[in-house]
Amino acid sequence: MTYDRQILRILTDVGDKGISVQLLAKHVYNQNSTLFYSPDLSEIHAYVQQYLLKNSKSSSSLIESMEQRGFYRLNTSHNADARQLVLEFREQSSDDEKEEKPQQDLSLDLFG
């Protein structure tokens, strides 16, 4: 599902400092909201919470819970897949930034 990929992308972006379930759910909600469609925030929050709980069961899982209750991050210290995800998302981000070209100012000079 697209929510899974979005959750992993956000966890990659926040890094070792982690993020709360509530804030993560709001980010996913905002990424999926459009002018014509607005998903249910409570459903997204429940999905995010279930996804994090399911994927943070053991010490070698992809996601780990932090000392602070309700905060999660990628488990890059004990999971090779998490380290690989970080590298993949960073490569994608750098490719996206390289493709963006500065816009040329095509406006007319009124006083020239």
PDB file of N, CA and C in Angstrom:
ATOM      1  N   MET A   1       0.845  -1.190   0.000  1.00  0.00           N
ATOM      2  CA  MET A   1       0.000   0.000   0.000  1.00  0.00           C
ATOM      3  C   MET A   1       0.882   1.241   0.000  1.00  0.00           C
ATOM      4  N   THR A   2       0.349   2.340  -0.473  1.00  0.00           N
ATOM      5  CA  THR A   2       1.134   3.565  -0.558  1.00  0.00           C
ATOM      6  C   THR A   2       1.438   4.140   0.825  1.00  0.00           C
ATOM      7  N   TYR A   3       0.561   3.887   1.791  1.00  0.00           N
ATOM      8  CA  TYR A   3       0.823   4.393   3.137  1.00  0.00           C
ATOM      9  C   TYR A   3       2.121   3.815   3.693  1.00  0.00           C
ATOM     10  N   ASP A   4       2.382   2.550   3.429  1.00  0.00           N
ATOM     11  CA  ASP A   4       3.595   1.911   3.941  1.00  0.00           C
ATOM     12  C   ASP A   4       4.839   2.641   3.447  1.00  0.00           C
ATOM     13  N   ARG A   5       4.872   2.905   2.169  1.00  0.00           N
ATOM     14  CA  ARG A   5       6.030   3.582   1.572  1.00  0.00           C
ATOM     15  C   ARG A   5       6.153   5.008   2.125  1.00  0.00           C
ATOM     16  N   GLN A   6       5.035   5.685   2.299  1.00  0.00           N
ATOM     17  CA  GLN A   6       5.070   7.042   2.842  1.00  0.00           C
ATOM     18  C   GLN A   6       5.568   7.046   4.280  1.00  0.00           C
ATOM     19  N   ILE A   7       5.138   6.074   5.057  1.00  0.00           N
ATOM     20  CA  ILE A   7       5.595   5.973   6.447  1.00  0.00           C
ATOM     21  C   ILE A   7       7.098   5.767   6.485  1.00  0.00           C
ATOM     22  N   LEU A   8       7.597   4.863   5.669  1.00  0.00           N
ATOM     23  CA  LEU A   8       9.041   4.596   5.642  1.00  0.00           C
ATOM     24  C   LEU A   8       9.816   5.814   5.164  1.00  0.00           C
ATOM     25  N   ARG A   9       9.272   6.542   4.203  1.00  0.00           N
ATOM     26  CA  ARG A   9       9.931   7.746   3.693  1.00  0.00           C
ATOM     27  C   ARG A   9      10.027   8.806   4.795  1.00  0.00           C
ATOM     28  N   ILE A  10       8.965   9.000   5.535  1.00  0.00           N
ATOM     29  CA  ILE A  10       8.957   9.990   6.617  1.00  0.00           C
ATOM     30  C   ILE A  10       9.923   9.571   7.721  1.00  0.00           C
ATOM     31  N   LEU A  11       9.918   8.301   8.075  1.00  0.00           N
ATOM     32  CA  LEU A  11      10.850   7.815   9.099  1.00  0.00           C
ATOM     33  C   LEU A  11      12.298   7.990   8.644  1.00  0.00           C
ATOM     34  N   THR A  12      12.541   7.824   7.367  1.00  0.00           N
ATOM     35  CA  THR A  12      13.890   8.045   6.830  1.00  0.00           C
ATOM     36  C   THR A  12      14.269   9.513   6.938  1.00  0.00           C
ATOM     37  N   ASP A  13      13.335  10.389   6.630  1.00  0.00           N
ATOM     38  CA  ASP A  13      13.608  11.829   6.672  1.00  0.00           C
ATOM     39  C   ASP A  13      13.886  12.332   8.087  1.00  0.00           C
ATOM     40  N   VAL A  14      13.167  11.798   9.090  1.00  0.00           N
ATOM     41  CA  VAL A  14      13.369  12.292  10.453  1.00  0.00           C
ATOM     42  C   VAL A  14      14.627  11.726  11.091  1.00  0.00           C
ATOM     43  N   GLY A  15      15.109  10.587  10.612  1.00  0.00           N
ATOM     44  CA  GLY A  15      16.363  10.030  11.098  1.00  0.00           C
ATOM     45  C   GLY A  15      16.296   9.467  12.502  1.00  0.00           C
ATOM     46  N   ASP A  16      17.381   9.627  13.237  1.00  0.00           N
ATOM     47  CA  ASP A  16      17.515   9.029  14.563  1.00  0.00           C
ATOM     48  C   ASP A  16      16.695   9.718  15.646  1.00  0.00           C
ATOM     49  N   LYS A  17      16.251  10.930  15.399  1.00  0.00           N
ATOM     50  CA  LYS A  17      15.474  11.626  16.433  1.00  0.00           C
ATOM     51  C   LYS A  17      14.063  11.057  16.576  1.00  0.00           C
ATOM     52  N   GLY A  18      13.572  10.352  15.544  1.00  0.00           N
ATOM     53  CA  GLY A  18      12.276   9.706  15.615  1.00  0.00           C
ATOM     54  C   GLY A  18      11.118  10.678  15.464  1.00  0.00           C
ATOM     55  N   ILE A  19       9.909  10.115  15.489  1.00  0.00           N
ATOM     56  CA  ILE A  19       8.702  10.911  15.305  1.00  0.00           C
ATOM     57  C   ILE A  19       7.559  10.235  16.054  1.00  0.00           C
ATOM     58  N   SER A  20       6.617  11.030  16.526  1.00  0.00           N
ATOM     59  CA  SER A  20       5.471  10.479  17.243  1.00  0.00           C
ATOM     60  C   SER A  20       4.462   9.897  16.252  1.00  0.00           C
ATOM     61  N   VAL A  21       3.647   8.977  16.732  1.00  0.00           N
ATOM     62  CA  VAL A  21       2.622   8.349  15.906  1.00  0.00           C
ATOM     63  C   VAL A  21       1.661   9.408  15.381  1.00  0.00           C
ATOM     64  N   GLN A  22       1.270  10.335  16.229  1.00  0.00           N
ATOM     65  CA  GLN A  22       0.312  11.360  15.845  1.00  0.00           C
ATOM     66  C   GLN A  22       0.869  12.249  14.726  1.00  0.00           C
ATOM     67  N   LEU A  23       2.107  12.682  14.872  1.00  0.00           N
ATOM     68  CA  LEU A  23       2.708  13.545  13.859  1.00  0.00           C
ATOM     69  C   LEU A  23       2.936  12.779  12.556  1.00  0.00           C
ATOM     70  N   LEU A  24       3.333  11.538  12.661  1.00  0.00           N
ATOM     71  CA  LEU A  24       3.515  10.702  11.481  1.00  0.00           C
ATOM     72  C   LEU A  24       2.192  10.521  10.739  1.00  0.00           C
ATOM     73  N   ALA A  25       1.120  10.289  11.473  1.00  0.00           N
ATOM     74  CA  ALA A  25      -0.205  10.140  10.859  1.00  0.00           C
ATOM     75  C   ALA A  25      -0.629  11.433  10.162  1.00  0.00           C
ATOM     76  N   LYS A  26      -0.322  12.578  10.755  1.00  0.00           N
ATOM     77  CA  LYS A  26      -0.671  13.857  10.127  1.00  0.00           C
ATOM     78  C   LYS A  26       0.103  14.066   8.833  1.00  0.00           C
ATOM     79  N   HIS A  27       1.369  13.673   8.810  1.00  0.00           N
ATOM     80  CA  HIS A  27       2.166  13.778   7.583  1.00  0.00           C
ATOM     81  C   HIS A  27       1.576  12.904   6.477  1.00  0.00           C
ATOM     82  N   VAL A  28       1.225  11.678   6.820  1.00  0.00           N
ATOM     83  CA  VAL A  28       0.626  10.768   5.833  1.00  0.00           C
ATOM     84  C   VAL A  28      -0.707  11.332   5.353  1.00  0.00           C
ATOM     85  N   TYR A  29      -1.502  11.850   6.269  1.00  0.00           N
ATOM     86  CA  TYR A  29      -2.788  12.462   5.916  1.00  0.00           C
ATOM     87  C   TYR A  29      -2.582  13.608   4.931  1.00  0.00           C
ATOM     88  N   ASN A  30      -1.632  14.492   5.221  1.00  0.00           N
ATOM     89  CA  ASN A  30      -1.381  15.642   4.349  1.00  0.00           C
ATOM     90  C   ASN A  30      -0.882  15.222   2.972  1.00  0.00           C
ATOM     91  N   GLN A  31      -0.120  14.151   2.899  1.00  0.00           N
ATOM     92  CA  GLN A  31       0.371  13.686   1.608  1.00  0.00           C
ATOM     93  C   GLN A  31      -0.745  13.107   0.750  1.00  0.00           C
ATOM     94  N   ASN A  32      -1.821  12.674   1.365  1.00  0.00           N
ATOM     95  CA  ASN A  32      -2.914  12.045   0.626  1.00  0.00           C
ATOM     96  C   ASN A  32      -4.142  12.929   0.471  1.00  0.00           C
ATOM     97  N   SER A  33      -4.115  14.107   1.036  1.00  0.00           N
ATOM     98  CA  SER A  33      -5.246  15.033   0.915  1.00  0.00           C
ATOM     99  C   SER A  33      -5.119  15.836  -0.373  1.00  0.00           C
ATOM    100  N   THR A  34      -6.221  15.973  -1.057  1.00  0.00           N
ATOM    101  CA  THR A  34      -6.265  16.789  -2.266  1.00  0.00           C
ATOM    102  C   THR A  34      -7.459  17.725  -2.174  1.00  0.00           C
ATOM    103  N   LEU A  35      -7.633  18.501  -3.200  1.00  0.00           N
ATOM    104  CA  LEU A  35      -8.760  19.417  -3.247  1.00  0.00           C
ATOM    105  C   LEU A  35     -10.087  18.660  -3.303  1.00  0.00           C
ATOM    106  N   PHE A  36     -10.073  17.497  -3.951  1.00  0.00           N
ATOM    107  CA  PHE A  36     -11.306  16.745  -4.155  1.00  0.00           C
ATOM    108  C   PHE A  36     -11.465  15.541  -3.240  1.00  0.00           C
ATOM    109  N   TYR A  37     -10.421  15.192  -2.510  1.00  0.00           N
ATOM    110  CA  TYR A  37     -10.489  14.018  -1.634  1.00  0.00           C
ATOM    111  C   TYR A  37      -9.757  14.302  -0.335  1.00  0.00           C
ATOM    112  N   SER A  38     -10.420  14.023   0.748  1.00  0.00           N
ATOM    113  CA  SER A  38      -9.823  14.191   2.061  1.00  0.00           C
ATOM    114  C   SER A  38     -10.023  12.889   2.846  1.00  0.00           C
ATOM    115  N   PRO A  39      -8.947  12.132   3.081  1.00  0.00           N
ATOM    116  CA  PRO A  39      -9.105  10.866   3.810  1.00  0.00           C
ATOM    117  C   PRO A  39      -9.458  11.116   5.274  1.00  0.00           C
ATOM    118  N   ASP A  40      -9.907  10.072   5.936  1.00  0.00           N
ATOM    119  CA  ASP A  40     -10.278  10.157   7.341  1.00  0.00           C
ATOM    120  C   ASP A  40      -9.012  10.071   8.196  1.00  0.00           C
ATOM    121  N   LEU A  41      -8.752  11.110   8.972  1.00  0.00           N
ATOM    122  CA  LEU A  41      -7.540  11.175   9.788  1.00  0.00           C
ATOM    123  C   LEU A  41      -7.507  10.063  10.830  1.00  0.00           C
ATOM    124  N   SER A  42      -8.627   9.725  11.411  1.00  0.00           N
ATOM    125  CA  SER A  42      -8.644   8.677  12.440  1.00  0.00           C
ATOM    126  C   SER A  42      -8.308   7.306  11.838  1.00  0.00           C
ATOM    127  N   GLU A  43      -8.756   7.047  10.607  1.00  0.00           N
ATOM    128  CA  GLU A  43      -8.412   5.793   9.938  1.00  0.00           C
ATOM    129  C   GLU A  43      -6.920   5.727   9.627  1.00  0.00           C
ATOM    130  N   ILE A  44      -6.362   6.841   9.165  1.00  0.00           N
ATOM    131  CA  ILE A  44      -4.933   6.879   8.875  1.00  0.00           C
ATOM    132  C   ILE A  44      -4.137   6.710  10.156  1.00  0.00           C
ATOM    133  N   HIS A  45      -4.573   7.353  11.233  1.00  0.00           N
ATOM    134  CA  HIS A  45      -3.875   7.225  12.515  1.00  0.00           C
ATOM    135  C   HIS A  45      -3.881   5.769  12.981  1.00  0.00           C
ATOM    136  N   ALA A  46      -5.019   5.104  12.867  1.00  0.00           N
ATOM    137  CA  ALA A  46      -5.120   3.693  13.267  1.00  0.00           C
ATOM    138  C   ALA A  46      -4.225   2.822  12.398  1.00  0.00           C
ATOM    139  N   TYR A  47      -4.184   3.102  11.104  1.00  0.00           N
ATOM    140  CA  TYR A  47      -3.333   2.323  10.196  1.00  0.00           C
ATOM    141  C   TYR A  47      -1.858   2.506  10.542  1.00  0.00           C
ATOM    142  N   VAL A  48      -1.447   3.759  10.736  1.00  0.00           N
ATOM    143  CA  VAL A  48      -0.053   4.057  11.068  1.00  0.00           C
ATOM    144  C   VAL A  48       0.333   3.372  12.376  1.00  0.00           C
ATOM    145  N   GLN A  49      -0.534   3.452  13.368  1.00  0.00           N
ATOM    146  CA  GLN A  49      -0.266   2.838  14.663  1.00  0.00           C
ATOM    147  C   GLN A  49      -0.106   1.320  14.534  1.00  0.00           C
ATOM    148  N   GLN A  50      -1.006   0.677  13.803  1.00  0.00           N
ATOM    149  CA  GLN A  50      -0.920  -0.773  13.589  1.00  0.00           C
ATOM    150  C   GLN A  50       0.345  -1.142  12.827  1.00  0.00           C
ATOM    151  N   TYR A  51       0.672  -0.358  11.813  1.00  0.00           N
ATOM    152  CA  TYR A  51       1.867  -0.628  11.005  1.00  0.00           C
ATOM    153  C   TYR A  51       3.133  -0.544  11.859  1.00  0.00           C
ATOM    154  N   LEU A  52       3.210   0.483  12.689  1.00  0.00           N
ATOM    155  CA  LEU A  52       4.386   0.652  13.540  1.00  0.00           C
ATOM    156  C   LEU A  52       4.488  -0.465  14.573  1.00  0.00           C
ATOM    157  N   LEU A  53       3.375  -0.833  15.181  1.00  0.00           N
ATOM    158  CA  LEU A  53       3.385  -1.907  16.180  1.00  0.00           C
ATOM    159  C   LEU A  53       3.767  -3.247  15.550  1.00  0.00           C
ATOM    160  N   LYS A  54       3.225  -3.498  14.365  1.00  0.00           N
ATOM    161  CA  LYS A  54       3.496  -4.761  13.678  1.00  0.00           C
ATOM    162  C   LYS A  54       4.966  -4.879  13.268  1.00  0.00           C
ATOM    163  N   ASN A  55       5.571  -3.760  12.881  1.00  0.00           N
ATOM    164  CA  ASN A  55       6.942  -3.779  12.374  1.00  0.00           C
ATOM    165  C   ASN A  55       7.990  -3.406  13.413  1.00  0.00           C
ATOM    166  N   SER A  56       7.627  -3.378  14.684  1.00  0.00           N
ATOM    167  CA  SER A  56       8.610  -3.052  15.726  1.00  0.00           C
ATOM    168  C   SER A  56       8.593  -4.091  16.851  1.00  0.00           C
ATOM    169  N   LYS A  57       8.249  -5.316  16.526  1.00  0.00           N
ATOM    170  CA  LYS A  57       8.109  -6.362  17.546  1.00  0.00           C
ATOM    171  C   LYS A  57       9.445  -6.808  18.143  1.00  0.00           C
ATOM    172  N   SER A  58      10.458  -7.042  17.301  1.00  0.00           N
ATOM    173  CA  SER A  58      11.729  -7.573  17.809  1.00  0.00           C
ATOM    174  C   SER A  58      12.838  -6.536  17.692  1.00  0.00           C
ATOM    175  N   SER A  59      13.982  -6.840  18.280  1.00  0.00           N
ATOM    176  CA  SER A  59      15.106  -5.901  18.250  1.00  0.00           C
ATOM    177  C   SER A  59      15.739  -5.805  16.875  1.00  0.00           C
ATOM    178  N   SER A  60      15.505  -6.788  16.007  1.00  0.00           N
ATOM    179  CA  SER A  60      16.084  -6.752  14.664  1.00  0.00           C
ATOM    180  C   SER A  60      15.054  -6.350  13.613  1.00  0.00           C
ATOM    181  N   SER A  61      13.927  -5.795  14.022  1.00  0.00           N
ATOM    182  CA  SER A  61      12.888  -5.405  13.070  1.00  0.00           C
ATOM    183  C   SER A  61      13.241  -4.090  12.388  1.00  0.00           C
ATOM    184  N   LEU A  62      12.487  -3.762  11.361  1.00  0.00           N
ATOM    185  CA  LEU A  62      12.746  -2.589  10.535  1.00  0.00           C
ATOM    186  C   LEU A  62      12.562  -1.279  11.299  1.00  0.00           C
ATOM    187  N   ILE A  63      11.584  -1.245  12.178  1.00  0.00           N
ATOM    188  CA  ILE A  63      11.257  -0.040  12.945  1.00  0.00           C
ATOM    189  C   ILE A  63      11.442  -0.344  14.424  1.00  0.00           C
ATOM    190  N   GLU A  64      11.931   0.640  15.175  1.00  0.00           N
ATOM    191  CA  GLU A  64      12.086   0.440  16.612  1.00  0.00           C
ATOM    192  C   GLU A  64      11.374   1.543  17.378  1.00  0.00           C
ATOM    193  N   SER A  65      10.829   1.155  18.525  1.00  0.00           N
ATOM    194  CA  SER A  65      10.214   2.160  19.387  1.00  0.00           C
ATOM    195  C   SER A  65      11.326   2.802  20.210  1.00  0.00           C
ATOM    196  N   MET A  66      11.123   4.059  20.540  1.00  0.00           N
ATOM    197  CA  MET A  66      12.144   4.794  21.275  1.00  0.00           C
ATOM    198  C   MET A  66      11.825   4.783  22.759  1.00  0.00           C
ATOM    199  N   GLU A  67      12.690   5.389  23.544  1.00  0.00           N
ATOM    200  CA  GLU A  67      12.490   5.440  24.987  1.00  0.00           C
ATOM    201  C   GLU A  67      11.221   6.202  25.334  1.00  0.00           C
ATOM    202  N   GLN A  68      10.972   7.280  24.592  1.00  0.00           N
ATOM    203  CA  GLN A  68       9.773   8.077  24.830  1.00  0.00           C
ATOM    204  C   GLN A  68       8.568   7.344  24.241  1.00  0.00           C
ATOM    205  N   ARG A  69       7.537   7.221  25.015  1.00  0.00           N
ATOM    206  CA  ARG A  69       6.345   6.475  24.613  1.00  0.00           C
ATOM    207  C   ARG A  69       5.698   7.101  23.376  1.00  0.00           C
ATOM    208  N   GLY A  70       5.396   6.268  22.381  1.00  0.00           N
ATOM    209  CA  GLY A  70       4.715   6.730  21.185  1.00  0.00           C
ATOM    210  C   GLY A  70       5.620   7.280  20.110  1.00  0.00           C
ATOM    211  N   PHE A  71       6.937   7.173  20.273  1.00  0.00           N
ATOM    212  CA  PHE A  71       7.887   7.657  19.280  1.00  0.00           C
ATOM    213  C   PHE A  71       8.588   6.472  18.626  1.00  0.00           C
ATOM    214  N   TYR A  72       8.787   6.572  17.305  1.00  0.00           N
ATOM    215  CA  TYR A  72       9.413   5.495  16.540  1.00  0.00           C
ATOM    216  C   TYR A  72      10.445   6.058  15.590  1.00  0.00           C
ATOM    217  N   ARG A  73      11.372   5.172  15.162  1.00  0.00           N
ATOM    218  CA  ARG A  73      12.380   5.517  14.158  1.00  0.00           C
ATOM    219  C   ARG A  73      12.801   4.244  13.437  1.00  0.00           C
ATOM    220  N   LEU A  74      13.530   4.407  12.345  1.00  0.00           N
ATOM    221  CA  LEU A  74      14.055   3.244  11.648  1.00  0.00           C
ATOM    222  C   LEU A  74      15.164   2.621  12.483  1.00  0.00           C
ATOM    223  N   ASN A  75      15.243   1.311  12.481  1.00  0.00           N
ATOM    224  CA  ASN A  75      16.232   0.578  13.253  1.00  0.00           C
ATOM    225  C   ASN A  75      17.483   0.361  12.401  1.00  0.00           C
ATOM    226  N   THR A  76      18.256   1.409  12.194  1.00  0.00           N
ATOM    227  CA  THR A  76      19.431   1.322  11.327  1.00  0.00           C
ATOM    228  C   THR A  76      20.613   0.641  11.999  1.00  0.00           C
ATOM    229  N   SER A  77      20.586   0.506  13.300  1.00  0.00           N
ATOM    230  CA  SER A  77      21.719  -0.115  13.988  1.00  0.00           C
ATOM    231  C   SER A  77      21.678  -1.641  13.942  1.00  0.00           C
ATOM    232  N   HIS A  78      20.494  -2.253  13.873  1.00  0.00           N
ATOM    233  CA  HIS A  78      20.394  -3.710  13.906  1.00  0.00           C
ATOM    234  C   HIS A  78      19.727  -4.315  12.681  1.00  0.00           C
ATOM    235  N   ASN A  79      19.410  -3.504  11.680  1.00  0.00           N
ATOM    236  CA  ASN A  79      18.675  -4.019  10.539  1.00  0.00           C
ATOM    237  C   ASN A  79      19.282  -3.507   9.241  1.00  0.00           C
ATOM    238  N   ALA A  80      19.781  -4.427   8.417  1.00  0.00           N
ATOM    239  CA  ALA A  80      20.402  -4.056   7.146  1.00  0.00           C
ATOM    240  C   ALA A  80      19.374  -3.482   6.170  1.00  0.00           C
ATOM    241  N   ASP A  81      18.146  -3.984   6.223  1.00  0.00           N
ATOM    242  CA  ASP A  81      17.101  -3.467   5.332  1.00  0.00           C
ATOM    243  C   ASP A  81      16.810  -1.994   5.604  1.00  0.00           C
ATOM    244  N   ALA A  82      16.827  -1.600   6.860  1.00  0.00           N
ATOM    245  CA  ALA A  82      16.593  -0.199   7.216  1.00  0.00           C
ATOM    246  C   ALA A  82      17.720   0.682   6.684  1.00  0.00           C
ATOM    247  N   ARG A  83      18.950   0.214   6.800  1.00  0.00           N
ATOM    248  CA  ARG A  83      20.083   0.975   6.261  1.00  0.00           C
ATOM    249  C   ARG A  83      19.959   1.117   4.746  1.00  0.00           C
ATOM    250  N   GLN A  84      19.529   0.047   4.083  1.00  0.00           N
ATOM    251  CA  GLN A  84      19.350   0.089   2.634  1.00  0.00           C
ATOM    252  C   GLN A  84      18.242   1.065   2.242  1.00  0.00           C
ATOM    253  N   LEU A  85      17.167   1.103   2.997  1.00  0.00           N
ATOM    254  CA  LEU A  85      16.076   2.053   2.732  1.00  0.00           C
ATOM    255  C   LEU A  85      16.566   3.496   2.814  1.00  0.00           C
ATOM    256  N   VAL A  86      17.373   3.775   3.816  1.00  0.00           N
ATOM    257  CA  VAL A  86      17.911   5.125   3.974  1.00  0.00           C
ATOM    258  C   VAL A  86      18.722   5.500   2.746  1.00  0.00           C
ATOM    259  N   LEU A  87      19.550   4.588   2.267  1.00  0.00           N
ATOM    260  CA  LEU A  87      20.360   4.869   1.082  1.00  0.00           C
ATOM    261  C   LEU A  87      19.492   5.067  -0.155  1.00  0.00           C
ATOM    262  N   GLU A  88      18.476   4.232  -0.337  1.00  0.00           N
ATOM    263  CA  GLU A  88      17.605   4.351  -1.502  1.00  0.00           C
ATOM    264  C   GLU A  88      16.844   5.674  -1.505  1.00  0.00           C
ATOM    265  N   PHE A  89      16.283   6.049  -0.359  1.00  0.00           N
ATOM    266  CA  PHE A  89      15.526   7.295  -0.298  1.00  0.00           C
ATOM    267  C   PHE A  89      16.439   8.501  -0.479  1.00  0.00           C
ATOM    268  N   ARG A  90      17.647   8.431   0.031  1.00  0.00           N
ATOM    269  CA  ARG A  90      18.589   9.543  -0.161  1.00  0.00           C
ATOM    270  C   ARG A  90      18.970   9.681  -1.624  1.00  0.00           C
ATOM    271  N   GLU A  91      19.179   8.557  -2.314  1.00  0.00           N
ATOM    272  CA  GLU A  91      19.496   8.610  -3.737  1.00  0.00           C
ATOM    273  C   GLU A  91      18.338   9.208  -4.520  1.00  0.00           C
ATOM    274  N   GLN A  92      17.117   8.813  -4.193  1.00  0.00           N
ATOM    275  CA  GLN A  92      15.941   9.364  -4.868  1.00  0.00           C
ATOM    276  C   GLN A  92      15.835  10.864  -4.639  1.00  0.00           C
ATOM    277  N   SER A  93      16.085  11.297  -3.423  1.00  0.00           N
ATOM    278  CA  SER A  93      15.986  12.720  -3.097  1.00  0.00           C
ATOM    279  C   SER A  93      17.035  13.522  -3.852  1.00  0.00           C
ATOM    280  N   SER A  94      18.253  13.000  -3.934  1.00  0.00           N
ATOM    281  CA  SER A  94      19.300  13.731  -4.641  1.00  0.00           C
ATOM    282  C   SER A  94      19.019  13.768  -6.139  1.00  0.00           C
ATOM    283  N   ASP A  95      18.426  12.708  -6.703  1.00  0.00           N
ATOM    284  CA  ASP A  95      18.053  12.706  -8.112  1.00  0.00           C
ATOM    285  C   ASP A  95      16.953  13.723  -8.373  1.00  0.00           C
ATOM    286  N   ASP A  96      15.987  13.812  -7.489  1.00  0.00           N
ATOM    287  CA  ASP A  96      14.897  14.775  -7.644  1.00  0.00           C
ATOM    288  C   ASP A  96      15.420  16.202  -7.604  1.00  0.00           C
ATOM    289  N   GLU A  97      16.370  16.475  -6.728  1.00  0.00           N
ATOM    290  CA  GLU A  97      16.912  17.820  -6.600  1.00  0.00           C
ATOM    291  C   GLU A  97      17.728  18.191  -7.831  1.00  0.00           C
ATOM    292  N   LYS A  98      18.440  17.229  -8.424  1.00  0.00           N
ATOM    293  CA  LYS A  98      19.251  17.505  -9.602  1.00  0.00           C
ATOM    294  C   LYS A  98      18.390  17.812 -10.815  1.00  0.00           C
ATOM    295  N   GLU A  99      17.212  17.197 -10.914  1.00  0.00           N
ATOM    296  CA  GLU A  99      16.349  17.386 -12.062  1.00  0.00           C
ATOM    297  C   GLU A  99      15.678  18.748 -12.078  1.00  0.00           C
ATOM    298  N   GLU A 100      15.544  19.369 -10.937  1.00  0.00           N
ATOM    299  CA  GLU A 100      14.901  20.671 -10.873  1.00  0.00           C
ATOM    300  C   GLU A 100      15.824  21.733 -11.453  1.00  0.00           C
ATOM    301  N   LYS A 101      15.312  22.451 -12.438  1.00  0.00           N
ATOM    302  CA  LYS A 101      16.086  23.519 -13.056  1.00  0.00           C
ATOM    303  C   LYS A 101      15.547  24.849 -12.558  1.00  0.00           C
ATOM    304  N   PRO A 102      16.430  25.818 -12.354  1.00  0.00           N
ATOM    305  CA  PRO A 102      15.924  27.122 -11.911  1.00  0.00           C
ATOM    306  C   PRO A 102      15.075  27.742 -13.019  1.00  0.00           C
ATOM    307  N   GLN A 103      13.981  28.349 -12.614  1.00  0.00           N
ATOM    308  CA  GLN A 103      13.097  28.957 -13.590  1.00  0.00           C
ATOM    309  C   GLN A 103      13.668  30.277 -14.062  1.00  0.00           C
ATOM    310  N   GLN A 104      13.569  30.469 -15.351  1.00  0.00           N
ATOM    311  CA  GLN A 104      14.078  31.679 -15.948  1.00  0.00           C
ATOM    312  C   GLN A 104      13.034  32.780 -15.816  1.00  0.00           C
ATOM    313  N   ASP A 105      13.464  33.999 -15.504  1.00  0.00           N
ATOM    314  CA  ASP A 105      12.545  35.124 -15.378  1.00  0.00           C
ATOM    315  C   ASP A 105      12.222  35.647 -16.768  1.00  0.00           C
ATOM    316  N   LEU A 106      10.995  35.400 -17.212  1.00  0.00           N
ATOM    317  CA  LEU A 106      10.572  35.807 -18.547  1.00  0.00           C
ATOM    318  C   LEU A 106       9.680  37.043 -18.527  1.00  0.00           C
ATOM    319  N   SER A 107       9.644  37.729 -17.394  1.00  0.00           N
ATOM    320  CA  SER A 107       8.801  38.908 -17.308  1.00  0.00           C
ATOM    321  C   SER A 107       9.435  40.083 -18.075  1.00  0.00           C
ATOM    322  N   LEU A 108       8.610  40.969 -18.561  1.00  0.00           N
ATOM    323  CA  LEU A 108       9.072  42.122 -19.330  1.00  0.00           C
ATOM    324  C   LEU A 108       9.494  43.241 -18.380  1.00  0.00           C
ATOM    325  N   ASP A 109      10.541  43.949 -18.783  1.00  0.00           N
ATOM    326  CA  ASP A 109      11.014  45.080 -18.009  1.00  0.00           C
ATOM    327  C   ASP A 109      10.181  46.293 -18.402  1.00  0.00           C
ATOM    328  N   LEU A 110       9.415  46.832 -17.475  1.00  0.00           N
ATOM    329  CA  LEU A 110       8.518  47.936 -17.779  1.00  0.00           C
ATOM    330  C   LEU A 110       9.247  49.263 -17.952  1.00  0.00           C
ATOM    331  N   PHE A 111      10.431  49.399 -17.386  1.00  0.00           N
ATOM    332  CA  PHE A 111      11.119  50.675 -17.403  1.00  0.00           C
ATOM    333  C   PHE A 111      12.353  50.640 -18.263  1.00  0.00           C
ATOM    334  N   GLY A 112      12.514  49.644 -19.121  1.00  0.00           N
ATOM    335  CA  GLY A 112      13.736  49.488 -19.944  1.00  0.00           C
ATOM    336  C   GLY A 112      13.675  50.108 -21.264  1.00  0.00           C
TER     337      GLY A 112
END
